[in-house]
Amino acid sequence: MKKYIYAIPALMMACMLPACTAEEGAEPGTDTTPAVTVYTYEPSDENLNPDNDVTVRFATNSATKEVAYLVEKGDDVEAFLKGINPNGEKENEAEQAYVDRVLQNGQKITVNGAESVDVNLTGLYGPYVISAVAVGSRDRKSMTFTGLDWENVTSGTFHYRQTFLPVSTRVCNLQVCTTNDKLFRIENAFGEGYSMKFELLDATASDEDGTYTLFRIPLQKTPWKINLTSGGPYPIVVEDIGYWQGDASFVTGATGYENGMYADHTAFFRIAWGADRGSNIGVFSFETPSFFIPD
């Protein structure tokens, strides 16, 4: 694969809900005990970074007037619970003490019965626990979110050579996630704030240049848009050919469509470039490989 790299001119990639039966409190306005449910989503605001920012939805029932929520590092939550329940014999006591902690120290949200309130949490690095208690109940609901942090592996140049883009190379860093040594990204691969993540597989292949580790590229955004004969402009997104085809076998062996990284961190990418048309992704380019060349 490396022989193609040096040919680059001037060294210029609805969930279904289960059926349920009617119970007391299931009809609007008939709930007897305050309750809240917590959901997390990738932020829709393009100014937020899904690596470290998360949208939290607090969904309440008709008996709820106020919700308290607390965001703490996972280690701190574990230490608090273990401090009360060191031998595993006071689990309920520890949980109720943490309910008090949320009610006393948490942020408060006023609601008018059954509502959904979204809150953006930003700048989270590492594992966090997001806890919520409906005031008037003793039931804590929680979700976890792990904010990604990165450290540099090497600097280099990313070459993606696509004629429909305004640029074809980018000087950037290859980085590895501090909490997952198989997760990498090319920082700002497509411009400021548009990095490209990829995750190594436990699989290798070889060519005339040596052995390379295979990896996957999940669906990710770029800053560009494109007009197609079907309409537009549509946001341009990228993913590996296996995700595009819904078949991992396209990228889990030496198929000609795989992605790979050599021991020196030189990497090649078979990227499927697609137009996000809302209901589907229309791939319009996938033949031209892209490369990261370390300094």
Protein backbone atom coordinates (compact mmCIF):
# COMPACT_ATOMS: atom_id res chain seq x y z
CA MET A 1 0.00 0.00 0.00
CA LYS A 2 2.85 2.41 0.74
CA LYS A 3 3.86 2.45 -2.92
CA TYR A 4 0.66 4.39 -3.62
CA ILE A 5 1.37 6.87 -0.84
CA TYR A 6 4.53 8.18 -2.42
CA ALA A 7 2.78 8.60 -5.75
CA ILE A 8 0.80 11.49 -4.26
CA PRO A 9 1.86 14.58 -6.24
CA ALA A 10 4.31 16.61 -4.18
CA LEU A 11 3.33 14.40 -1.21
CA MET A 12 0.19 16.14 -1.27
CA MET A 13 -10.39 10.39 4.23
CA ALA A 14 -36.51 3.96 16.48
CA CYS A 15 -36.06 1.91 19.11
CA MET A 16 -39.20 -0.10 19.59
CA LEU A 17 -40.87 0.30 22.99
CA PRO A 18 -42.22 -2.89 24.61
CA ALA A 19 -45.97 -3.21 24.90
CA CYS A 20 -47.34 -2.42 28.33
CA THR A 21 -50.59 -2.69 30.21
CA ALA A 22 -52.43 0.16 31.88
CA GLU A 23 -51.58 0.74 35.51
CA GLU A 24 -52.37 3.38 38.10
CA GLY A 25 -50.49 6.51 37.20
CA ALA A 26 -50.18 5.61 33.51
CA GLU A 27 -52.85 8.05 32.34
CA PRO A 28 -52.05 11.77 32.14
CA GLY A 29 -52.52 13.53 35.46
CA THR A 30 -53.00 10.36 37.51
CA ASP A 31 -49.45 9.72 38.74
CA THR A 32 -49.25 9.55 42.52
CA THR A 33 -45.48 9.62 43.13
CA PRO A 34 -43.01 12.04 41.48
CA ALA A 35 -40.65 10.32 39.07
CA VAL A 36 -37.98 11.22 36.56
CA THR A 37 -36.21 9.25 33.83
CA VAL A 38 -32.81 10.22 32.42
CA TYR A 39 -31.70 9.91 28.79
CA THR A 40 -28.50 11.02 27.09
CA TYR A 41 -28.01 12.10 23.48
CA GLU A 42 -25.27 13.40 21.23
CA PRO A 43 -25.69 17.19 21.12
CA SER A 44 -27.49 18.54 18.07
CA ASP A 45 -25.77 21.92 18.49
CA GLU A 46 -22.86 21.95 16.04
CA ASN A 47 -20.94 24.22 18.41
CA LEU A 48 -20.75 21.39 20.97
CA ASN A 49 -18.21 18.57 20.90
CA PRO A 50 -19.71 15.07 21.28
CA ASP A 51 -16.38 13.80 22.65
CA ASN A 52 -16.84 15.88 25.81
CA ASP A 53 -20.34 17.35 25.70
CA VAL A 54 -23.65 15.54 26.13
CA THR A 55 -27.32 16.45 26.03
CA VAL A 56 -29.27 15.08 29.00
CA ARG A 57 -33.05 14.77 28.91
CA PHE A 58 -34.97 14.67 32.18
CA ALA A 59 -38.46 13.24 31.52
CA THR A 60 -40.89 13.66 34.41
CA ASN A 61 -44.36 12.35 35.21
CA SER A 62 -47.49 14.34 36.08
CA ALA A 63 -46.80 14.30 39.84
CA THR A 64 -43.40 15.98 39.55
CA LYS A 65 -42.82 19.64 40.34
CA GLU A 66 -39.04 19.75 40.74
CA VAL A 67 -36.01 17.64 39.81
CA ALA A 68 -32.52 17.73 41.31
CA TYR A 69 -29.60 16.49 39.24
CA LEU A 70 -25.94 16.04 40.12
CA VAL A 71 -23.00 15.37 37.81
CA GLU A 72 -19.97 13.79 39.47
CA LYS A 73 -16.93 11.84 38.39
CA GLY A 74 -17.52 8.12 38.50
CA ASP A 75 -14.68 7.55 40.98
CA ASP A 76 -16.17 10.11 43.37
CA VAL A 77 -19.59 8.44 43.27
CA GLU A 78 -18.04 5.04 43.87
CA ALA A 79 -15.96 6.36 46.78
CA PHE A 80 -19.01 7.95 48.41
CA LEU A 81 -21.09 4.76 48.18
CA LYS A 82 -18.22 2.57 49.35
CA GLY A 83 -17.57 4.85 52.31
CA ILE A 84 -21.04 4.05 53.63
CA ASN A 85 -21.15 0.48 52.39
CA PRO A 86 -17.58 -0.86 52.68
CA ASN A 87 -18.58 -4.50 53.17
CA GLY A 88 -21.53 -4.67 50.80
CA GLU A 89 -24.06 -5.00 53.64
CA LYS A 90 -25.59 -1.50 53.52
CA GLU A 91 -26.36 -1.06 49.85
CA ASN A 92 -29.77 0.56 50.40
CA GLU A 93 -28.41 2.85 53.12
CA ALA A 94 -25.62 3.99 50.81
CA GLU A 95 -28.06 4.58 47.96
CA GLN A 96 -30.41 6.62 50.14
CA ALA A 97 -27.48 8.70 51.37
CA TYR A 98 -26.60 9.46 47.77
CA VAL A 99 -30.22 10.43 47.08
CA ASP A 100 -29.83 13.01 49.88
CA ARG A 101 -26.58 14.18 48.30
CA VAL A 102 -28.33 14.78 44.96
CA LEU A 103 -31.24 16.59 46.63
CA GLN A 104 -28.95 18.79 48.73
CA ASN A 105 -26.16 19.56 46.26
CA GLY A 106 -27.72 19.08 42.84
CA GLN A 107 -28.94 21.64 40.33
CA LYS A 108 -32.71 22.20 40.49
CA ILE A 109 -35.15 22.15 37.57
CA THR A 110 -38.73 23.31 38.03
CA VAL A 111 -41.30 21.43 35.94
CA ASN A 112 -45.05 21.46 35.57
CA GLY A 113 -45.87 17.78 35.74
CA ALA A 114 -45.13 15.63 32.71
CA GLU A 115 -42.37 17.39 30.80
CA SER A 116 -39.08 16.74 29.05
CA VAL A 117 -36.28 19.15 29.85
CA ASP A 118 -32.97 19.06 27.96
CA VAL A 119 -29.72 20.25 29.54
CA ASN A 120 -26.34 20.42 27.79
CA LEU A 121 -23.40 19.33 29.91
CA THR A 122 -20.03 20.41 28.54
CA GLY A 123 -16.34 19.88 29.15
CA LEU A 124 -16.54 16.36 30.61
CA TYR A 125 -13.31 14.34 30.52
CA GLY A 126 -13.33 10.75 31.73
CA PRO A 127 -16.25 8.78 33.24
CA TYR A 128 -19.09 10.72 34.87
CA VAL A 129 -22.34 9.70 36.56
CA ILE A 130 -25.38 11.89 35.92
CA SER A 131 -27.93 11.33 38.71
CA ALA A 132 -31.46 12.72 39.02
CA VAL A 133 -34.10 12.56 41.76
CA ALA A 134 -37.65 13.82 41.47
CA VAL A 135 -38.23 15.94 44.60
CA GLY A 136 -40.73 14.09 46.79
CA SER A 137 -39.43 10.63 45.86
CA ARG A 138 -36.49 8.54 47.09
CA ASP A 139 -35.68 7.00 43.72
CA ARG A 140 -32.44 7.95 41.95
CA LYS A 141 -32.10 7.47 38.20
CA SER A 142 -28.70 7.76 36.57
CA MET A 143 -26.78 7.52 33.33
CA THR A 144 -23.05 7.41 32.69
CA PHE A 145 -21.07 9.42 30.17
CA THR A 146 -17.38 9.03 29.43
CA GLY A 147 -15.79 12.12 27.97
CA LEU A 148 -12.85 11.34 25.73
CA ASP A 149 -9.39 12.75 26.30
CA TRP A 150 -6.52 12.41 23.85
CA GLU A 151 -2.73 12.46 23.77
CA ASN A 152 -0.48 12.93 20.76
CA VAL A 153 1.17 9.92 19.14
CA THR A 154 2.85 11.70 16.23
CA SER A 155 2.39 14.65 13.94
CA GLY A 156 1.95 14.14 10.23
CA THR A 157 -0.10 14.92 7.14
CA PHE A 158 -3.52 13.60 6.18
CA HIS A 159 -4.06 13.25 2.41
CA TYR A 160 -7.58 12.72 1.16
CA ARG A 161 -7.32 13.97 -2.44
CA GLN A 162 -11.00 14.26 -3.28
CA THR A 163 -11.79 16.53 -6.23
CA PHE A 164 -15.11 17.65 -4.75
CA LEU A 165 -13.38 19.17 -1.69
CA PRO A 166 -11.76 22.61 -1.43
CA VAL A 167 -8.55 21.15 0.08
CA SER A 168 -6.78 17.81 -0.27
CA THR A 169 -4.22 17.71 2.57
CA ARG A 170 -4.14 18.68 6.22
CA VAL A 171 -1.18 18.89 8.64
CA CYS A 172 -2.44 17.35 11.88
CA ASN A 173 -1.73 15.03 14.81
CA LEU A 174 -2.46 11.36 15.20
CA GLN A 175 -3.82 10.92 18.74
CA VAL A 176 -4.81 8.01 20.97
CA CYS A 177 -7.60 8.04 23.55
CA THR A 178 -6.28 8.00 27.13
CA THR A 179 -9.02 5.58 28.27
CA ASN A 180 -9.00 3.25 25.24
CA ASP A 181 -5.69 2.43 23.58
CA LYS A 182 -7.44 1.05 20.50
CA LEU A 183 -9.29 4.29 19.78
CA PHE A 184 -7.40 6.81 17.65
CA ARG A 185 -8.25 10.01 15.87
CA ILE A 186 -6.70 12.32 13.33
CA GLU A 187 -7.13 15.64 15.07
CA ASN A 188 -8.91 18.26 12.97
CA ALA A 189 -8.68 15.95 9.95
CA PHE A 190 -11.30 17.91 8.04
CA GLY A 191 -10.76 21.29 9.70
CA GLU A 192 -10.99 22.79 13.17
CA GLY A 193 -13.34 20.71 15.32
CA TYR A 194 -13.78 17.95 12.72
CA SER A 195 -11.49 15.12 13.79
CA MET A 196 -11.82 11.60 12.39
CA LYS A 197 -11.94 8.73 14.89
CA PHE A 198 -11.11 5.12 14.12
CA GLU A 199 -10.83 2.02 16.31
CA LEU A 200 -8.27 -0.76 15.90
CA LEU A 201 -9.45 -4.35 15.53
CA ASP A 202 -7.79 -7.46 16.93
CA ALA A 203 -6.86 -8.40 13.38
CA THR A 204 -3.94 -7.83 11.04
CA ALA A 205 -3.09 -8.31 7.39
CA SER A 206 0.10 -7.95 5.38
CA ASP A 207 1.34 -6.63 2.06
CA GLU A 208 4.73 -5.91 0.51
CA ASP A 209 5.30 -3.11 3.04
CA GLY A 210 4.71 -5.22 6.12
CA THR A 211 1.97 -6.01 8.61
CA TYR A 212 -0.81 -3.55 9.35
CA THR A 213 -3.56 -3.53 11.95
CA LEU A 214 -7.10 -3.29 10.62
CA PHE A 215 -9.52 -0.67 11.94
CA ARG A 216 -13.08 0.61 11.61
CA ILE A 217 -14.27 4.14 10.80
CA PRO A 218 -17.78 4.87 12.18
CA LEU A 219 -20.09 7.43 10.59
CA GLN A 220 -18.78 10.97 11.21
CA LYS A 221 -19.48 14.52 10.10
CA THR A 222 -17.36 16.84 7.99
CA PRO A 223 -17.78 20.63 7.59
CA TRP A 224 -18.66 20.40 3.89
CA LYS A 225 -21.82 20.07 1.82
CA ILE A 226 -22.42 18.81 -1.71
CA ASN A 227 -25.03 19.15 -4.43
CA LEU A 228 -26.16 15.95 -6.16
CA THR A 229 -28.46 15.38 -9.09
CA SER A 230 -31.11 14.40 -6.53
CA GLY A 231 -30.84 17.76 -4.80
CA GLY A 232 -28.84 19.44 -2.07
CA PRO A 233 -26.75 20.86 -0.69
CA TYR A 234 -26.36 17.85 1.63
CA PRO A 235 -23.87 17.56 4.53
CA ILE A 236 -20.93 15.33 3.65
CA VAL A 237 -20.26 12.44 6.05
CA VAL A 238 -17.67 9.67 6.10
CA GLU A 239 -17.59 6.03 7.21
CA ASP A 240 -15.80 2.85 6.24
CA ILE A 241 -17.12 0.69 3.42
CA GLY A 242 -18.21 -2.02 5.86
CA TYR A 243 -20.56 0.37 7.64
CA TRP A 244 -21.83 1.68 4.31
CA GLN A 245 -22.59 -1.84 3.06
CA GLY A 246 -23.83 -3.11 6.44
CA ASP A 247 -21.29 -5.94 6.17
CA ALA A 248 -18.16 -5.97 8.36
CA SER A 249 -16.47 -8.56 6.15
CA PHE A 250 -15.64 -5.80 3.67
CA VAL A 251 -13.10 -4.37 6.14
CA THR A 252 -12.04 -7.22 8.44
CA GLY A 253 -9.55 -8.84 6.07
CA ALA A 254 -7.28 -8.07 3.13
CA THR A 255 -10.26 -7.44 0.84
CA GLY A 256 -9.13 -4.33 -0.97
CA TYR A 257 -11.64 -2.28 1.02
CA GLU A 258 -9.96 -2.52 4.42
CA ASN A 259 -8.28 0.24 6.44
CA GLY A 260 -4.89 -0.37 8.03
CA MET A 261 -2.16 1.17 10.17
CA TYR A 262 1.48 0.04 10.06
CA ALA A 263 3.80 -0.09 13.06
CA ASP A 264 5.29 3.32 12.15
CA HIS A 265 1.73 4.80 12.25
CA THR A 266 1.49 5.23 8.51
CA ALA A 267 -2.17 4.51 7.77
CA PHE A 268 -4.42 4.08 4.76
CA PHE A 269 -8.16 4.66 4.67
CA ARG A 270 -10.80 3.37 2.25
CA ILE A 271 -13.42 5.98 3.09
CA ALA A 272 -16.98 5.98 1.80
CA TRP A 273 -17.91 9.63 1.27
CA GLY A 274 -21.65 10.13 1.58
CA ALA A 275 -24.35 12.77 1.39
CA ASP A 276 -26.54 12.85 4.48
CA ARG A 277 -30.02 13.14 2.98
CA GLY A 278 -31.80 12.87 6.33
CA SER A 279 -33.50 9.52 5.81
CA ASN A 280 -30.45 7.84 4.26
CA ILE A 281 -26.80 8.25 3.35
CA GLY A 282 -26.08 8.39 -0.37
CA VAL A 283 -22.46 7.36 -0.98
CA PHE A 284 -21.01 9.14 -4.00
CA SER A 285 -17.27 8.32 -3.73
CA PHE A 286 -15.24 5.46 -2.30
CA GLU A 287 -12.57 4.47 -4.83
CA THR A 288 -9.78 6.96 -4.00
CA PRO A 289 -7.81 5.93 -0.86
CA SER A 290 -6.67 8.43 1.75
CA PHE A 291 -3.47 8.33 3.80
CA PHE A 292 -1.89 9.56 7.01
CA ILE A 293 1.87 9.97 6.70
CA PRO A 294 3.74 10.57 9.98
CA ASP A 295 6.55 13.10 10.12
